[in-house]
Amino acid sequence: MRVNQTRDHLGEIGYFVDSNYWGKGIATRATKLIEKWGFNKLKLKRIEIMMNPKNKASEKIAIKCGYKKEGLMKKALHDGKEDAYLYAKVRN
């Protein structure tokens, strides 16, 4: 979890799982735990997940965890070389 330094109500989750452990639910469980910590302990109001549109596994994790797609961010990843989907969840 990374908390935005200028907007302390906002956190961002990123995940990387070694290919030997794909399909075991590790990133999904970790996302749910980090989200709980972010909302309950850090009092975040919003958590975002950005991913390459080609990374269908990352998108599946975000959807499974209840994040909503907010749009396509042009040239947002890798020094402006790649687009990204933005998924987010807000605390009620």
PDB file of N, CA and C in Angstrom:
ATOM      1  N   MET A   1       0.849  -1.165   0.000  1.00  0.00           N
ATOM      2  CA  MET A   1       0.000   0.000   0.000  1.00  0.00           C
ATOM      3  C   MET A   1       0.891   1.223   0.000  1.00  0.00           C
ATOM      4  N   ARG A   2       0.584   2.126  -0.870  1.00  0.00           N
ATOM      5  CA  ARG A   2       1.280   3.397  -0.916  1.00  0.00           C
ATOM      6  C   ARG A   2       0.245   4.486  -0.695  1.00  0.00           C
ATOM      7  N   VAL A   3       0.501   5.350   0.277  1.00  0.00           N
ATOM      8  CA  VAL A   3      -0.394   6.467   0.566  1.00  0.00           C
ATOM      9  C   VAL A   3       0.155   7.684  -0.153  1.00  0.00           C
ATOM     10  N   ASN A   4      -0.716   8.403  -0.831  1.00  0.00           N
ATOM     11  CA  ASN A   4      -0.334   9.604  -1.552  1.00  0.00           C
ATOM     12  C   ASN A   4       0.116  10.666  -0.554  1.00  0.00           C
ATOM     13  N   GLN A   5       1.300  11.225  -0.759  1.00  0.00           N
ATOM     14  CA  GLN A   5       1.878  12.187   0.188  1.00  0.00           C
ATOM     15  C   GLN A   5       1.097  13.499   0.245  1.00  0.00           C
ATOM     16  N   THR A   6       0.528  13.917  -0.860  1.00  0.00           N
ATOM     17  CA  THR A   6      -0.197  15.192  -0.865  1.00  0.00           C
ATOM     18  C   THR A   6      -1.692  15.028  -0.654  1.00  0.00           C
ATOM     19  N   ARG A   7      -2.183  13.816  -0.871  1.00  0.00           N
ATOM     20  CA  ARG A   7      -3.610  13.529  -0.654  1.00  0.00           C
ATOM     21  C   ARG A   7      -3.692  12.300   0.244  1.00  0.00           C
ATOM     22  N   ASP A   8      -3.592  12.517   1.550  1.00  0.00           N
ATOM     23  CA  ASP A   8      -3.457  11.396   2.486  1.00  0.00           C
ATOM     24  C   ASP A   8      -4.731  10.578   2.662  1.00  0.00           C
ATOM     25  N   HIS A   9      -5.778  10.918   1.950  1.00  0.00           N
ATOM     26  CA  HIS A   9      -7.002  10.116   1.975  1.00  0.00           C
ATOM     27  C   HIS A   9      -6.975   9.020   0.914  1.00  0.00           C
ATOM     28  N   LEU A  10      -5.919   9.008   0.092  1.00  0.00           N
ATOM     29  CA  LEU A  10      -5.843   8.149  -1.080  1.00  0.00           C
ATOM     30  C   LEU A  10      -4.691   7.150  -0.965  1.00  0.00           C
ATOM     31  N   GLY A  11      -4.991   5.876  -1.248  1.00  0.00           N
ATOM     32  CA  GLY A  11      -3.960   4.845  -1.270  1.00  0.00           C
ATOM     33  C   GLY A  11      -3.968   4.125  -2.603  1.00  0.00           C
ATOM     34  N   GLU A  12      -2.862   3.473  -2.908  1.00  0.00           N
ATOM     35  CA  GLU A  12      -2.751   2.715  -4.148  1.00  0.00           C
ATOM     36  C   GLU A  12      -2.190   1.333  -3.834  1.00  0.00           C
ATOM     37  N   ILE A  13      -2.812   0.320  -4.408  1.00  0.00           N
ATOM     38  CA  ILE A  13      -2.367  -1.058  -4.228  1.00  0.00           C
ATOM     39  C   ILE A  13      -1.748  -1.537  -5.538  1.00  0.00           C
ATOM     40  N   GLY A  14      -0.622  -2.223  -5.415  1.00  0.00           N
ATOM     41  CA  GLY A  14      -0.003  -2.880  -6.551  1.00  0.00           C
ATOM     42  C   GLY A  14       0.396  -4.281  -6.132  1.00  0.00           C
ATOM     43  N   TYR A  15       0.424  -5.196  -7.073  1.00  0.00           N
ATOM     44  CA  TYR A  15       0.790  -6.562  -6.721  1.00  0.00           C
ATOM     45  C   TYR A  15       1.591  -7.212  -7.835  1.00  0.00           C
ATOM     46  N   PHE A  16       2.503  -8.063  -7.428  1.00  0.00           N
ATOM     47  CA  PHE A  16       3.286  -8.887  -8.348  1.00  0.00           C
ATOM     48  C   PHE A  16       3.416 -10.260  -7.694  1.00  0.00           C
ATOM     49  N   VAL A  17       3.058 -11.285  -8.422  1.00  0.00           N
ATOM     50  CA  VAL A  17       3.163 -12.654  -7.915  1.00  0.00           C
ATOM     51  C   VAL A  17       4.022 -13.452  -8.899  1.00  0.00           C
ATOM     52  N   ASP A  18       5.026 -14.130  -8.371  1.00  0.00           N
ATOM     53  CA  ASP A  18       5.870 -14.991  -9.194  1.00  0.00           C
ATOM     54  C   ASP A  18       4.998 -16.016  -9.916  1.00  0.00           C
ATOM     55  N   SER A  19       5.348 -16.284 -11.166  1.00  0.00           N
ATOM     56  CA  SER A  19       4.530 -17.191 -11.987  1.00  0.00           C
ATOM     57  C   SER A  19       4.363 -18.585 -11.373  1.00  0.00           C
ATOM     58  N   ASN A  20       5.263 -18.997 -10.515  1.00  0.00           N
ATOM     59  CA  ASN A  20       5.121 -20.298  -9.838  1.00  0.00           C
ATOM     60  C   ASN A  20       3.914 -20.335  -8.906  1.00  0.00           C
ATOM     61  N   TYR A  21       3.391 -19.177  -8.550  1.00  0.00           N
ATOM     62  CA  TYR A  21       2.291 -19.100  -7.583  1.00  0.00           C
ATOM     63  C   TYR A  21       1.015 -18.526  -8.175  1.00  0.00           C
ATOM     64  N   TRP A  22       0.949 -18.356  -9.481  1.00  0.00           N
ATOM     65  CA  TRP A  22      -0.263 -17.856 -10.130  1.00  0.00           C
ATOM     66  C   TRP A  22      -1.425 -18.813  -9.914  1.00  0.00           C
ATOM     67  N   GLY A  23      -2.618 -18.258  -9.823  1.00  0.00           N
ATOM     68  CA  GLY A  23      -3.831 -19.072  -9.734  1.00  0.00           C
ATOM     69  C   GLY A  23      -4.121 -19.629  -8.356  1.00  0.00           C
ATOM     70  N   LYS A  24      -3.398 -19.175  -7.351  1.00  0.00           N
ATOM     71  CA  LYS A  24      -3.598 -19.678  -5.988  1.00  0.00           C
ATOM     72  C   LYS A  24      -4.348 -18.691  -5.094  1.00  0.00           C
ATOM     73  N   GLY A  25      -4.763 -17.566  -5.647  1.00  0.00           N
ATOM     74  CA  GLY A  25      -5.533 -16.588  -4.874  1.00  0.00           C
ATOM     75  C   GLY A  25      -4.697 -15.695  -3.977  1.00  0.00           C
ATOM     76  N   ILE A  26      -3.392 -15.714  -4.137  1.00  0.00           N
ATOM     77  CA  ILE A  26      -2.505 -14.950  -3.257  1.00  0.00           C
ATOM     78  C   ILE A  26      -2.747 -13.450  -3.393  1.00  0.00           C
ATOM     79  N   ALA A  27      -2.763 -12.941  -4.614  1.00  0.00           N
ATOM     80  CA  ALA A  27      -2.951 -11.495  -4.811  1.00  0.00           C
ATOM     81  C   ALA A  27      -4.344 -11.044  -4.375  1.00  0.00           C
ATOM     82  N   THR A  28      -5.342 -11.881  -4.594  1.00  0.00           N
ATOM     83  CA  THR A  28      -6.703 -11.536  -4.174  1.00  0.00           C
ATOM     84  C   THR A  28      -6.776 -11.435  -2.656  1.00  0.00           C
ATOM     85  N   ARG A  29      -6.225 -12.415  -1.952  1.00  0.00           N
ATOM     86  CA  ARG A  29      -6.245 -12.378  -0.481  1.00  0.00           C
ATOM     87  C   ARG A  29      -5.431 -11.200   0.043  1.00  0.00           C
ATOM     88  N   ALA A  30      -4.271 -10.971  -0.550  1.00  0.00           N
ATOM     89  CA  ALA A  30      -3.425  -9.854  -0.107  1.00  0.00           C
ATOM     90  C   ALA A  30      -4.117  -8.520  -0.345  1.00  0.00           C
ATOM     91  N   THR A  31      -4.765  -8.365  -1.487  1.00  0.00           N
ATOM     92  CA  THR A  31      -5.483  -7.122  -1.782  1.00  0.00           C
ATOM     93  C   THR A  31      -6.577  -6.868  -0.752  1.00  0.00           C
ATOM     94  N   LYS A  32      -7.327  -7.892  -0.411  1.00  0.00           N
ATOM     95  CA  LYS A  32      -8.403  -7.733   0.585  1.00  0.00           C
ATOM     96  C   LYS A  32      -7.844  -7.355   1.956  1.00  0.00           C
ATOM     97  N   LEU A  33      -6.735  -7.964   2.352  1.00  0.00           N
ATOM     98  CA  LEU A  33      -6.125  -7.643   3.650  1.00  0.00           C
ATOM     99  C   LEU A  33      -5.566  -6.223   3.679  1.00  0.00           C
ATOM    100  N   ILE A  34      -4.865  -5.846   2.624  1.00  0.00           N
ATOM    101  CA  ILE A  34      -4.283  -4.499   2.564  1.00  0.00           C
ATOM    102  C   ILE A  34      -5.388  -3.450   2.511  1.00  0.00           C
ATOM    103  N   GLU A  35      -6.437  -3.735   1.767  1.00  0.00           N
ATOM    104  CA  GLU A  35      -7.572  -2.817   1.690  1.00  0.00           C
ATOM    105  C   GLU A  35      -8.202  -2.604   3.076  1.00  0.00           C
ATOM    106  N   LYS A  36      -8.405  -3.689   3.794  1.00  0.00           N
ATOM    107  CA  LYS A  36      -8.981  -3.591   5.142  1.00  0.00           C
ATOM    108  C   LYS A  36      -8.109  -2.720   6.038  1.00  0.00           C
ATOM    109  N   TRP A  37      -6.814  -2.942   5.985  1.00  0.00           N
ATOM    110  CA  TRP A  37      -5.860  -2.153   6.765  1.00  0.00           C
ATOM    111  C   TRP A  37      -5.908  -0.685   6.341  1.00  0.00           C
ATOM    112  N   GLY A  38      -5.938  -0.438   5.038  1.00  0.00           N
ATOM    113  CA  GLY A  38      -5.965   0.936   4.534  1.00  0.00           C
ATOM    114  C   GLY A  38      -7.206   1.694   4.958  1.00  0.00           C
ATOM    115  N   PHE A  39      -8.362   1.058   4.845  1.00  0.00           N
ATOM    116  CA  PHE A  39      -9.606   1.728   5.220  1.00  0.00           C
ATOM    117  C   PHE A  39      -9.767   1.850   6.738  1.00  0.00           C
ATOM    118  N   ASN A  40      -9.441   0.787   7.472  1.00  0.00           N
ATOM    119  CA  ASN A  40      -9.688   0.787   8.919  1.00  0.00           C
ATOM    120  C   ASN A  40      -8.596   1.459   9.746  1.00  0.00           C
ATOM    121  N   LYS A  41      -7.348   1.198   9.428  1.00  0.00           N
ATOM    122  CA  LYS A  41      -6.247   1.750  10.236  1.00  0.00           C
ATOM    123  C   LYS A  41      -5.755   3.098   9.722  1.00  0.00           C
ATOM    124  N   LEU A  42      -5.606   3.204   8.415  1.00  0.00           N
ATOM    125  CA  LEU A  42      -5.099   4.452   7.846  1.00  0.00           C
ATOM    126  C   LEU A  42      -6.204   5.472   7.576  1.00  0.00           C
ATOM    127  N   LYS A  43      -7.462   5.013   7.688  1.00  0.00           N
ATOM    128  CA  LYS A  43      -8.631   5.876   7.468  1.00  0.00           C
ATOM    129  C   LYS A  43      -8.664   6.470   6.063  1.00  0.00           C
ATOM    130  N   LEU A  44      -8.196   5.680   5.083  1.00  0.00           N
ATOM    131  CA  LEU A  44      -8.255   6.126   3.701  1.00  0.00           C
ATOM    132  C   LEU A  44      -9.707   6.217   3.252  1.00  0.00           C
ATOM    133  N   LYS A  45      -9.963   7.096   2.325  1.00  0.00           N
ATOM    134  CA  LYS A  45     -11.304   7.228   1.770  1.00  0.00           C
ATOM    135  C   LYS A  45     -11.398   6.588   0.383  1.00  0.00           C
ATOM    136  N   ARG A  46     -10.246   6.365  -0.230  1.00  0.00           N
ATOM    137  CA  ARG A  46     -10.212   5.830  -1.596  1.00  0.00           C
ATOM    138  C   ARG A  46      -8.935   5.005  -1.790  1.00  0.00           C
ATOM    139  N   ILE A  47      -9.084   3.860  -2.473  1.00  0.00           N
ATOM    140  CA  ILE A  47      -7.940   3.031  -2.835  1.00  0.00           C
ATOM    141  C   ILE A  47      -8.033   2.759  -4.332  1.00  0.00           C
ATOM    142  N   GLU A  48      -6.891   2.923  -5.012  1.00  0.00           N
ATOM    143  CA  GLU A  48      -6.837   2.738  -6.453  1.00  0.00           C
ATOM    144  C   GLU A  48      -5.917   1.581  -6.825  1.00  0.00           C
ATOM    145  N   ILE A  49      -6.232   0.952  -7.950  1.00  0.00           N
ATOM    146  CA  ILE A  49      -5.368  -0.050  -8.563  1.00  0.00           C
ATOM    147  C   ILE A  49      -5.264   0.315 -10.043  1.00  0.00           C
ATOM    148  N   MET A  50      -4.030   0.495 -10.518  1.00  0.00           N
ATOM    149  CA  MET A  50      -3.806   0.751 -11.941  1.00  0.00           C
ATOM    150  C   MET A  50      -3.143  -0.465 -12.554  1.00  0.00           C
ATOM    151  N   MET A  51      -3.536  -0.786 -13.792  1.00  0.00           N
ATOM    152  CA  MET A  51      -2.944  -1.943 -14.454  1.00  0.00           C
ATOM    153  C   MET A  51      -2.898  -1.750 -15.954  1.00  0.00           C
ATOM    154  N   ASN A  52      -1.981  -2.450 -16.580  1.00  0.00           N
ATOM    155  CA  ASN A  52      -1.912  -2.474 -18.028  1.00  0.00           C
ATOM    156  C   ASN A  52      -3.179  -3.146 -18.549  1.00  0.00           C
ATOM    157  N   PRO A  53      -3.855  -2.572 -19.538  1.00  0.00           N
ATOM    158  CA  PRO A  53      -5.081  -3.180 -20.066  1.00  0.00           C
ATOM    159  C   PRO A  53      -4.892  -4.601 -20.596  1.00  0.00           C
ATOM    160  N   LYS A  54      -3.676  -4.976 -20.957  1.00  0.00           N
ATOM    161  CA  LYS A  54      -3.409  -6.327 -21.449  1.00  0.00           C
ATOM    162  C   LYS A  54      -3.310  -7.345 -20.322  1.00  0.00           C
ATOM    163  N   ASN A  55      -3.174  -6.867 -19.074  1.00  0.00           N
ATOM    164  CA  ASN A  55      -2.997  -7.768 -17.932  1.00  0.00           C
ATOM    165  C   ASN A  55      -4.371  -8.178 -17.386  1.00  0.00           C
ATOM    166  N   LYS A  56      -4.952  -9.172 -18.020  1.00  0.00           N
ATOM    167  CA  LYS A  56      -6.301  -9.626 -17.657  1.00  0.00           C
ATOM    168  C   LYS A  56      -6.345 -10.242 -16.255  1.00  0.00           C
ATOM    169  N   ALA A  57      -5.250 -10.844 -15.802  1.00  0.00           N
ATOM    170  CA  ALA A  57      -5.222 -11.428 -14.453  1.00  0.00           C
ATOM    171  C   ALA A  57      -5.334 -10.336 -13.397  1.00  0.00           C
ATOM    172  N   SER A  58      -4.636  -9.224 -13.588  1.00  0.00           N
ATOM    173  CA  SER A  58      -4.734  -8.111 -12.635  1.00  0.00           C
ATOM    174  C   SER A  58      -6.133  -7.531 -12.630  1.00  0.00           C
ATOM    175  N   GLU A  59      -6.713  -7.411 -13.799  1.00  0.00           N
ATOM    176  CA  GLU A  59      -8.075  -6.879 -13.889  1.00  0.00           C
ATOM    177  C   GLU A  59      -9.062  -7.800 -13.165  1.00  0.00           C
ATOM    178  N   LYS A  60      -8.875  -9.096 -13.313  1.00  0.00           N
ATOM    179  CA  LYS A  60      -9.745 -10.078 -12.649  1.00  0.00           C
ATOM    180  C   LYS A  60      -9.655  -9.950 -11.124  1.00  0.00           C
ATOM    181  N   ILE A  61      -8.446  -9.724 -10.609  1.00  0.00           N
ATOM    182  CA  ILE A  61      -8.259  -9.549  -9.167  1.00  0.00           C
ATOM    183  C   ILE A  61      -9.013  -8.314  -8.679  1.00  0.00           C
ATOM    184  N   ALA A  62      -8.859  -7.204  -9.386  1.00  0.00           N
ATOM    185  CA  ALA A  62      -9.538  -5.962  -8.992  1.00  0.00           C
ATOM    186  C   ALA A  62     -11.059  -6.160  -8.968  1.00  0.00           C
ATOM    187  N   ILE A  63     -11.578  -6.799  -9.983  1.00  0.00           N
ATOM    188  CA  ILE A  63     -13.027  -7.033 -10.054  1.00  0.00           C
ATOM    189  C   ILE A  63     -13.478  -7.957  -8.927  1.00  0.00           C
ATOM    190  N   LYS A  64     -12.722  -9.038  -8.688  1.00  0.00           N
ATOM    191  CA  LYS A  64     -13.056  -9.981  -7.606  1.00  0.00           C
ATOM    192  C   LYS A  64     -13.120  -9.294  -6.250  1.00  0.00           C
ATOM    193  N   CYS A  65     -12.260  -8.299  -6.068  1.00  0.00           N
ATOM    194  CA  CYS A  65     -12.184  -7.584  -4.794  1.00  0.00           C
ATOM    195  C   CYS A  65     -13.165  -6.410  -4.714  1.00  0.00           C
ATOM    196  N   GLY A  66     -13.988  -6.257  -5.728  1.00  0.00           N
ATOM    197  CA  GLY A  66     -15.041  -5.248  -5.677  1.00  0.00           C
ATOM    198  C   GLY A  66     -14.641  -3.859  -6.153  1.00  0.00           C
ATOM    199  N   TYR A  67     -13.520  -3.743  -6.847  1.00  0.00           N
ATOM    200  CA  TYR A  67     -13.105  -2.450  -7.381  1.00  0.00           C
ATOM    201  C   TYR A  67     -13.853  -2.188  -8.679  1.00  0.00           C
ATOM    202  N   LYS A  68     -14.148  -0.927  -8.957  1.00  0.00           N
ATOM    203  CA  LYS A  68     -14.896  -0.527 -10.147  1.00  0.00           C
ATOM    204  C   LYS A  68     -13.971   0.167 -11.139  1.00  0.00           C
ATOM    205  N   LYS A  69     -14.129  -0.183 -12.400  1.00  0.00           N
ATOM    206  CA  LYS A  69     -13.325   0.454 -13.445  1.00  0.00           C
ATOM    207  C   LYS A  69     -13.810   1.893 -13.620  1.00  0.00           C
ATOM    208  N   GLU A  70     -12.871   2.825 -13.531  1.00  0.00           N
ATOM    209  CA  GLU A  70     -13.200   4.235 -13.699  1.00  0.00           C
ATOM    210  C   GLU A  70     -12.779   4.759 -15.062  1.00  0.00           C
ATOM    211  N   GLY A  71     -11.899   4.039 -15.745  1.00  0.00           N
ATOM    212  CA  GLY A  71     -11.547   4.484 -17.078  1.00  0.00           C
ATOM    213  C   GLY A  71     -10.173   4.056 -17.534  1.00  0.00           C
ATOM    214  N   LEU A  72      -9.848   4.517 -18.726  1.00  0.00           N
ATOM    215  CA  LEU A  72      -8.555   4.263 -19.339  1.00  0.00           C
ATOM    216  C   LEU A  72      -7.717   5.528 -19.228  1.00  0.00           C
ATOM    217  N   MET A  73      -6.542   5.395 -18.643  1.00  0.00           N
ATOM    218  CA  MET A  73      -5.634   6.526 -18.484  1.00  0.00           C
ATOM    219  C   MET A  73      -4.559   6.410 -19.566  1.00  0.00           C
ATOM    220  N   LYS A  74      -4.596   7.325 -20.505  1.00  0.00           N
ATOM    221  CA  LYS A  74      -3.649   7.306 -21.617  1.00  0.00           C
ATOM    222  C   LYS A  74      -2.240   7.664 -21.142  1.00  0.00           C
ATOM    223  N   LYS A  75      -1.269   6.856 -21.569  1.00  0.00           N
ATOM    224  CA  LYS A  75       0.153   7.114 -21.314  1.00  0.00           C
ATOM    225  C   LYS A  75       0.464   7.302 -19.827  1.00  0.00           C
ATOM    226  N   ALA A  76      -0.115   6.465 -18.980  1.00  0.00           N
ATOM    227  CA  ALA A  76       0.018   6.612 -17.525  1.00  0.00           C
ATOM    228  C   ALA A  76       1.096   5.722 -16.902  1.00  0.00           C
ATOM    229  N   LEU A  77       1.550   4.707 -17.617  1.00  0.00           N
ATOM    230  CA  LEU A  77       2.526   3.771 -17.059  1.00  0.00           C
ATOM    231  C   LEU A  77       3.846   3.823 -17.819  1.00  0.00           C
ATOM    232  N   HIS A  78       4.898   3.392 -17.121  1.00  0.00           N
ATOM    233  CA  HIS A  78       6.220   3.218 -17.738  1.00  0.00           C
ATOM    234  C   HIS A  78       6.681   4.471 -18.471  1.00  0.00           C
ATOM    235  N   ASP A  79       6.769   5.550 -17.704  1.00  0.00           N
ATOM    236  CA  ASP A  79       7.258   6.834 -18.233  1.00  0.00           C
ATOM    237  C   ASP A  79       6.452   7.318 -19.431  1.00  0.00           C
ATOM    238  N   GLY A  80       5.151   7.118 -19.380  1.00  0.00           N
ATOM    239  CA  GLY A  80       4.281   7.614 -20.440  1.00  0.00           C
ATOM    240  C   GLY A  80       4.269   6.788 -21.706  1.00  0.00           C
ATOM    241  N   LYS A  81       4.715   5.550 -21.605  1.00  0.00           N
ATOM    242  CA  LYS A  81       4.771   4.697 -22.793  1.00  0.00           C
ATOM    243  C   LYS A  81       3.569   3.768 -22.926  1.00  0.00           C
ATOM    244  N   GLU A  82       2.846   3.557 -21.828  1.00  0.00           N
ATOM    245  CA  GLU A  82       1.735   2.604 -21.859  1.00  0.00           C
ATOM    246  C   GLU A  82       0.502   3.172 -21.182  1.00  0.00           C
ATOM    247  N   ASP A  83      -0.647   2.726 -21.664  1.00  0.00           N
ATOM    248  CA  ASP A  83      -1.922   3.110 -21.064  1.00  0.00           C
ATOM    249  C   ASP A  83      -2.177   2.263 -19.818  1.00  0.00           C
ATOM    250  N   ALA A  84      -3.147   2.676 -19.022  1.00  0.00           N
ATOM    251  CA  ALA A  84      -3.509   1.926 -17.814  1.00  0.00           C
ATOM    252  C   ALA A  84      -5.004   2.026 -17.568  1.00  0.00           C
ATOM    253  N   TYR A  85      -5.567   0.937 -17.082  1.00  0.00           N
ATOM    254  CA  TYR A  85      -6.925   0.990 -16.556  1.00  0.00           C
ATOM    255  C   TYR A  85      -6.819   1.470 -15.114  1.00  0.00           C
ATOM    256  N   LEU A  86      -7.775   2.279 -14.696  1.00  0.00           N
ATOM    257  CA  LEU A  86      -7.860   2.713 -13.308  1.00  0.00           C
ATOM    258  C   LEU A  86      -9.089   2.076 -12.682  1.00  0.00           C
ATOM    259  N   TYR A  87      -8.865   1.298 -11.639  1.00  0.00           N
ATOM    260  CA  TYR A  87      -9.940   0.721 -10.822  1.00  0.00           C
ATOM    261  C   TYR A  87      -9.848   1.367  -9.449  1.00  0.00           C
ATOM    262  N   ALA A  88     -10.984   1.569  -8.800  1.00  0.00           N
ATOM    263  CA  ALA A  88     -10.963   2.196  -7.478  1.00  0.00           C
ATOM    264  C   ALA A  88     -12.120   1.692  -6.625  1.00  0.00           C
ATOM    265  N   LYS A  89     -11.929   1.862  -5.319  1.00  0.00           N
ATOM    266  CA  LYS A  89     -12.979   1.560  -4.343  1.00  0.00           C
ATOM    267  C   LYS A  89     -12.960   2.698  -3.333  1.00  0.00           C
ATOM    268  N   VAL A  90     -14.140   3.157  -2.955  1.00  0.00           N
ATOM    269  CA  VAL A  90     -14.237   4.206  -1.953  1.00  0.00           C
ATOM    270  C   VAL A  90     -14.932   3.655  -0.717  1.00  0.00           C
ATOM    271  N   ARG A  91     -14.514   4.202   0.421  1.00  0.00           N
ATOM    272  CA  ARG A  91     -15.105   3.776   1.700  1.00  0.00           C
ATOM    273  C   ARG A  91     -16.447   4.441   1.858  1.00  0.00           C
ATOM    274  N   ASN A  92     -17.409   3.678   2.287  1.00  0.00           N
ATOM    275  CA  ASN A  92     -18.776   4.213   2.506  1.00  0.00           C
ATOM    276  C   ASN A  92     -18.841   5.144   3.689  1.00  0.00           C
TER     277      ASN A  92
END
